[in-house]
Every structure is written in structure tokens, then in C-alpha cells.
Protein backbone atom coordinates (compact mmCIF):
# COMPACT_ATOMS: atom_id res chain seq x y z
CA UNK A 1 13.63 -32.92 21.58
CA UNK A 2 11.48 -34.80 22.83
CA UNK A 3 7.40 -35.17 21.99
CA UNK A 4 5.15 -36.78 24.17
CA UNK A 5 5.95 -40.73 24.57
CA UNK A 6 2.19 -40.56 26.04
CA UNK A 7 1.04 -40.33 21.89
CA UNK A 8 3.87 -42.55 20.80
CA UNK A 9 2.96 -45.16 22.12
CA UNK A 10 1.57 -47.35 20.22
CA UNK A 11 -1.38 -48.72 22.18
CA UNK A 12 -1.23 -45.11 23.60
CA UNK A 13 -4.92 -45.27 25.06
CA UNK A 14 -4.25 -48.39 27.04
CA UNK A 15 -1.26 -46.46 28.69
CA UNK A 16 -1.19 -45.65 32.85
CA UNK A 17 0.46 -42.45 32.12
CA UNK A 18 -1.63 -39.54 31.43
CA UNK A 19 -1.85 -39.12 28.11
CA UNK A 20 -2.43 -35.37 26.98
CA UNK A 21 0.53 -33.14 28.09
CA UNK A 22 3.17 -32.49 25.45
CA UNK A 23 6.56 -32.73 26.71
CA UNK A 24 8.95 -29.60 27.10
CA UNK A 25 12.31 -30.14 25.03
CA UNK A 26 14.63 -32.17 26.70
CA UNK A 27 18.36 -31.23 27.28
CA UNK A 28 19.73 -34.86 27.64
CA UNK A 29 18.13 -37.73 26.03
CA UNK A 30 15.70 -39.48 28.24
CA UNK A 31 14.96 -42.91 29.55
CA UNK A 32 11.75 -43.20 31.31
CA UNK A 33 8.81 -45.79 32.10
CA UNK A 34 5.56 -46.91 33.77
CA UNK A 35 4.51 -50.01 35.39
CA UNK A 36 0.40 -50.88 36.13
CA UNK A 37 -2.45 -53.13 36.16
CA UNK A 38 -5.24 -52.93 34.00
CA UNK A 39 -9.20 -54.18 34.71
CA UNK A 40 -9.01 -54.10 31.66
CA UNK A 41 -6.62 -54.36 28.55
CA UNK A 42 -8.08 -52.80 25.51
CA UNK A 43 -6.25 -52.47 21.77
CA UNK A 44 -8.76 -50.09 19.76
CA UNK A 45 -12.22 -50.94 20.78
CA UNK A 46 -11.25 -54.50 21.57
CA UNK A 47 -9.90 -56.94 24.72
CA UNK A 48 -6.55 -58.51 24.18
CA UNK A 49 -7.22 -59.76 27.94
CA UNK A 50 -10.33 -61.50 27.63
CA UNK A 51 -12.48 -59.17 29.38
CA UNK A 52 -9.99 -59.63 32.12
CA UNK A 53 -7.21 -57.69 34.39
CA UNK A 54 -3.80 -57.34 33.15
CA UNK A 55 -0.24 -56.33 34.30
CA UNK A 56 1.68 -53.76 32.14
CA UNK A 57 5.35 -53.05 32.30
CA UNK A 58 6.58 -49.71 29.50
CA UNK A 59 9.84 -48.59 28.85
CA UNK A 60 10.79 -45.41 26.67
CA UNK A 61 13.96 -43.60 25.37
CA UNK A 62 13.85 -39.93 23.76
CA UNK A 63 17.53 -39.05 21.97
CA UNK A 64 18.22 -34.82 22.44
CA UNK A 65 18.07 -35.39 18.11
CA UNK A 66 14.79 -36.80 17.91
CA UNK A 67 14.87 -40.31 17.06
CA UNK A 68 12.97 -42.43 20.14
CA UNK A 69 12.07 -45.87 20.84
CA UNK A 70 10.32 -48.67 23.47
CA UNK A 71 8.40 -50.79 24.06
CA UNK A 72 6.09 -52.68 26.93
CA UNK A 73 4.95 -56.36 28.06
CA UNK A 74 1.61 -57.24 28.80
CA UNK A 75 -0.13 -60.14 30.81
CA UNK A 76 -2.79 -60.66 27.87
CA UNK A 77 -4.81 -63.51 27.09
CA UNK A 78 -6.41 -63.56 23.86
CA UNK A 79 -10.31 -64.89 22.87
CA UNK A 80 -8.81 -68.41 21.69
CA UNK A 81 -6.00 -68.91 24.54
CA UNK A 82 -6.95 -70.37 28.30
CA UNK A 83 -4.15 -68.66 29.82
CA UNK A 84 -2.27 -65.31 30.00
CA UNK A 85 0.67 -65.15 27.99
CA UNK A 86 2.71 -61.78 27.36
CA UNK A 87 2.19 -59.33 24.60
CA UNK A 88 4.97 -57.88 23.65
CA UNK A 89 4.88 -54.23 21.39
CA UNK A 90 8.30 -52.48 19.87
CA UNK A 91 8.52 -49.37 18.18
CA UNK A 92 10.86 -46.88 17.44
CA UNK A 93 11.14 -43.47 15.14
CA UNK A 94 12.19 -39.64 14.83
CA UNK A 95 10.03 -36.05 15.84
CA UNK A 96 10.93 -32.86 15.81
CA UNK A 97 9.28 -29.71 16.16
CA UNK A 98 8.28 -26.85 14.17
CA UNK A 99 8.88 -23.32 14.52
CA UNK A 100 4.79 -23.39 14.41
CA UNK A 101 5.51 -24.91 17.62
CA UNK A 102 3.51 -28.24 16.38
CA UNK A 103 5.68 -31.20 16.14
CA UNK A 104 5.82 -33.96 13.77
CA UNK A 105 6.98 -37.70 13.86
CA UNK A 106 7.55 -40.53 12.23
CA UNK A 107 8.00 -44.33 12.56
CA UNK A 108 7.02 -48.16 13.27
CA UNK A 109 5.67 -50.24 15.52
CA UNK A 110 6.03 -54.25 16.06
CA UNK A 111 3.25 -56.37 17.63
CA UNK A 112 4.03 -59.47 19.16
CA UNK A 113 2.17 -62.61 20.32
CA UNK A 114 4.19 -65.62 21.43
CA UNK A 115 1.76 -68.13 22.24
CA UNK A 116 -0.10 -67.39 18.70
CA UNK A 117 2.76 -66.12 16.77
CA UNK A 118 -0.14 -65.95 13.37
CA UNK A 119 -1.40 -62.80 14.95
CA UNK A 120 1.85 -60.77 14.53
CA UNK A 121 2.48 -57.81 12.69
CA UNK A 122 3.90 -54.14 11.47
CA UNK A 123 2.53 -51.14 11.19
CA UNK A 124 4.36 -48.12 10.12
CA UNK A 125 2.46 -44.48 10.93
CA UNK A 126 3.27 -40.78 10.98
CA UNK A 127 1.54 -38.11 12.86
CA UNK A 128 1.09 -34.64 14.21
CA UNK A 129 0.82 -33.12 17.18
CA UNK A 130 -0.05 -29.51 18.93
CA UNK A 131 -0.69 -28.30 22.58
CA UNK A 132 -3.76 -30.39 23.15
CA UNK A 133 -3.83 -32.61 20.34
CA UNK A 134 -2.41 -35.46 18.38
CA UNK A 135 -3.45 -37.04 15.13
CA UNK A 136 -1.56 -39.95 13.62
CA UNK A 137 -2.51 -42.31 11.10
CA UNK A 138 -1.15 -46.38 10.29
CA UNK A 139 -0.90 -48.75 7.87
CA UNK A 140 -0.31 -51.95 8.13
CA UNK A 141 -0.02 -54.61 5.03
CA UNK A 142 -1.21 -57.49 7.06
CA UNK A 143 -3.20 -56.51 10.72
CA UNK A 144 -2.87 -59.07 13.38
CA UNK A 145 -2.28 -62.09 10.68
CA UNK A 146 -5.91 -61.30 8.86
CA UNK A 147 -3.69 -61.19 5.51
CA UNK A 148 -5.07 -57.43 5.05
CA UNK A 149 -4.33 -53.74 4.77
CA UNK A 150 -5.61 -51.74 7.01
CA UNK A 151 -5.20 -48.15 7.74
CA UNK A 152 -5.87 -47.03 11.57
CA UNK A 153 -6.41 -43.04 11.69
CA UNK A 154 -7.13 -41.80 15.09
CA UNK A 155 -6.96 -38.73 17.16
CA UNK A 156 -6.49 -37.46 21.02
CA UNK A 157 -7.61 -34.30 23.17
CA UNK A 158 -6.85 -33.60 26.57
CA UNK A 159 -7.47 -30.42 29.13
CA UNK A 160 -6.85 -30.08 32.85
CA UNK A 161 -10.16 -29.86 34.87
CA UNK A 162 -8.52 -29.11 37.94
CA UNK A 163 -5.48 -29.06 40.21
CA UNK A 164 -4.48 -32.81 39.77
CA UNK A 165 -7.39 -33.92 37.41
CA UNK A 166 -7.34 -34.28 33.56
CA UNK A 167 -10.16 -34.91 30.99
CA UNK A 168 -8.94 -36.97 27.62
CA UNK A 169 -10.60 -37.95 24.10
CA UNK A 170 -9.77 -40.48 22.21
CA UNK A 171 -11.32 -41.20 18.54
CA UNK A 172 -10.42 -43.66 15.75
CA UNK A 173 -11.49 -45.55 12.95
CA UNK A 174 -10.09 -49.06 11.27
CA UNK A 175 -10.43 -49.38 7.38
CA UNK A 176 -10.02 -52.36 5.66
CA UNK A 177 -8.89 -52.43 2.46
CA UNK A 178 -9.22 -56.05 1.80
CA UNK A 179 -12.37 -57.08 3.94
CA UNK A 180 -14.71 -53.87 4.72
CA UNK A 181 -16.59 -56.13 7.73
CA UNK A 182 -13.49 -55.96 9.26
CA UNK A 183 -13.85 -51.99 9.62
CA UNK A 184 -14.23 -50.43 13.11
CA UNK A 185 -14.83 -47.29 14.68
CA UNK A 186 -14.09 -46.70 18.51
CA UNK A 187 -13.62 -44.14 21.42
CA UNK A 188 -12.28 -43.90 24.67
CA UNK A 189 -13.36 -41.00 27.07
CA UNK A 190 -12.65 -40.51 31.10
CA UNK A 191 -10.64 -39.12 33.95
CA UNK A 192 -7.17 -39.59 35.27
CA UNK A 193 -5.26 -37.88 37.98
CA UNK A 194 -1.90 -37.97 39.27
CA UNK A 195 0.33 -37.64 42.01
CA UNK A 196 4.07 -38.25 42.78
CA UNK A 197 4.31 -40.19 40.18
CA UNK A 198 0.97 -42.77 40.51
CA UNK A 199 -1.18 -42.50 37.78
CA UNK A 200 -4.89 -43.41 37.64
CA UNK A 201 -7.30 -43.54 35.27
CA UNK A 202 -11.63 -44.67 34.70
CA UNK A 203 -12.79 -44.45 31.15
CA UNK A 204 -15.27 -45.56 29.06
CA UNK A 205 -14.53 -47.28 26.07
CA UNK A 206 -16.93 -47.83 22.86
CA UNK A 207 -17.21 -49.91 20.25
CA UNK A 208 -18.81 -50.28 16.91
CA UNK A 209 -18.18 -53.09 14.40
CA UNK A 210 -19.45 -52.21 11.10
CA UNK A 211 -19.56 -55.70 9.38
CA UNK A 212 -21.85 -58.69 12.09
CA UNK A 213 -19.48 -61.74 12.06
CA UNK A 214 -18.03 -64.15 14.02
CA UNK A 215 -14.24 -64.80 14.63
CA UNK A 216 -11.61 -65.31 17.08
CA UNK A 217 -10.22 -61.77 17.72
CA UNK A 218 -13.89 -60.20 17.59
CA UNK A 219 -15.77 -62.55 18.96
CA UNK A 220 -19.43 -62.57 17.88
CA UNK A 221 -20.75 -58.93 17.78
CA UNK A 222 -23.41 -57.28 15.70
CA UNK A 223 -23.09 -54.97 12.75
CA UNK A 224 -23.86 -50.93 13.85
CA UNK A 225 -24.12 -51.59 17.96
CA UNK A 226 -22.50 -49.60 19.99
CA UNK A 227 -20.22 -52.33 22.46
CA UNK A 228 -19.03 -50.27 26.14
CA UNK A 229 -16.96 -51.05 28.74
CA UNK A 230 -15.71 -49.52 31.61
CA UNK A 231 -12.09 -49.43 32.27
CA UNK A 232 -10.02 -48.26 35.80
CA UNK A 233 -6.12 -48.52 35.41
CA UNK A 234 -3.68 -47.55 38.28
CA UNK A 235 0.38 -47.28 37.77
CA UNK A 236 3.63 -45.59 38.27
CA UNK A 237 6.26 -43.75 35.90
CA UNK A 238 9.75 -44.39 37.14
């Protein structure tokens, strides 16, 4: 049994694959991947490429028993860095489809910034997926090395517009239990298309910070203001 690797990706709204189709059950274990270019590497409403283009490579493994694992590497650039460095993400978990047709999943994700290891952190998560809707809840005991416990809730949906064209919608809320000023709301909406293994998409990314502050991660921002960014991506699956 295989549940959508697009929804399982730890940085799912940044993937170059189509985000919203649930995969049908697979007869054999599968290894898949994708590679591509993004105009901006956005993570939960914040750029991890300093608002520059980035290259991404991802690999995923799905076992017939429900176990899955995968990872990706991105040529990111933190706001504290003067050049590009690899940013790694790895995840593993377990998923099963219910008799109702819904699918549940749980797992763990690890984020690694080799050039800035103080930013490294881990999360555990659980989620539920339907035919065109996915919800997930993530918990981290030390989000981005801030020393803060966080909860991140997200919802994702998508629908077909016409042949080979789809629309997608994502919304997320990050809550810091130790510093409410680091909480934020974010959303992504856009359209995507695919053709013989190639995928392309354009999206509008919105971010609203809940506390006015200046930090290494968020930069300078005003509380309550929605920041808007357009992101383009193109890639190929294999």
C-alpha cells in the first residue's frame, strides 16, 4: 500500500511534483525521485534560499507493508550565510489505508543545515488523507534551534482544472508554545501542470508573522502584515 509521497514530503509545499493526487495501492515496493529548479526555496512561508533560485533533488521509498522513507537536498542559503550550502531533509514513517478509503500516517522528519548546525532540528508528525484533502500536525521540541517547542498544523487540497492542469491550495499555522511572537500563519495557492514526467508550477506564497521583530531567521518584519511572494518551479520525476 502506498500513500502519496507528495503529501509525505517534509517540505511538501516546496516540491516540484504535483501535490494533491493520492497514489493508488502499489503491488511492489517503489523507489521514486525528482529533480528540479525553484525560483525561491520557501519553507513555511520563509525563504531558505535568501529569495534566490535553488536546485533540489529528492528520493522516496515506499514499502508494500506501509513503511516509507526518503529525503532531499537543496542548494539553500540562510540569511546569515554569504554563499550557497546544501540543506538536507530526511524522513521515515508508516501509513495505512482505512476501510473508509481514508489513509493515516505518522513519522519523523530531520532537518540538517551542515554549514549552520545550530539550526538543525527534528519533528514528529501525524496526518490523515482523503481523495483530495490532507491534514497533518507536527511537533518539534527545539524548532530551528530556537529552543522553542512548536506545533505546526497544515491542510492541503487540490483539484483538476482541465487535462494536465491542476490547482492546489495549502494553509499552515505555526504555534510556538514558548514564544508566541514566533508564531505565524502562511498559505500557498497556485496551478501546476505535468507532461511525460515533467512538472511545472507557479504559486503565490503568503506569510503573516504574529510578532514584530528582527531575527536571523525571519529578518525584519511587521506584525500583522501579509508578505507576498511569487514562486516558479520546474522539474522532472524519475
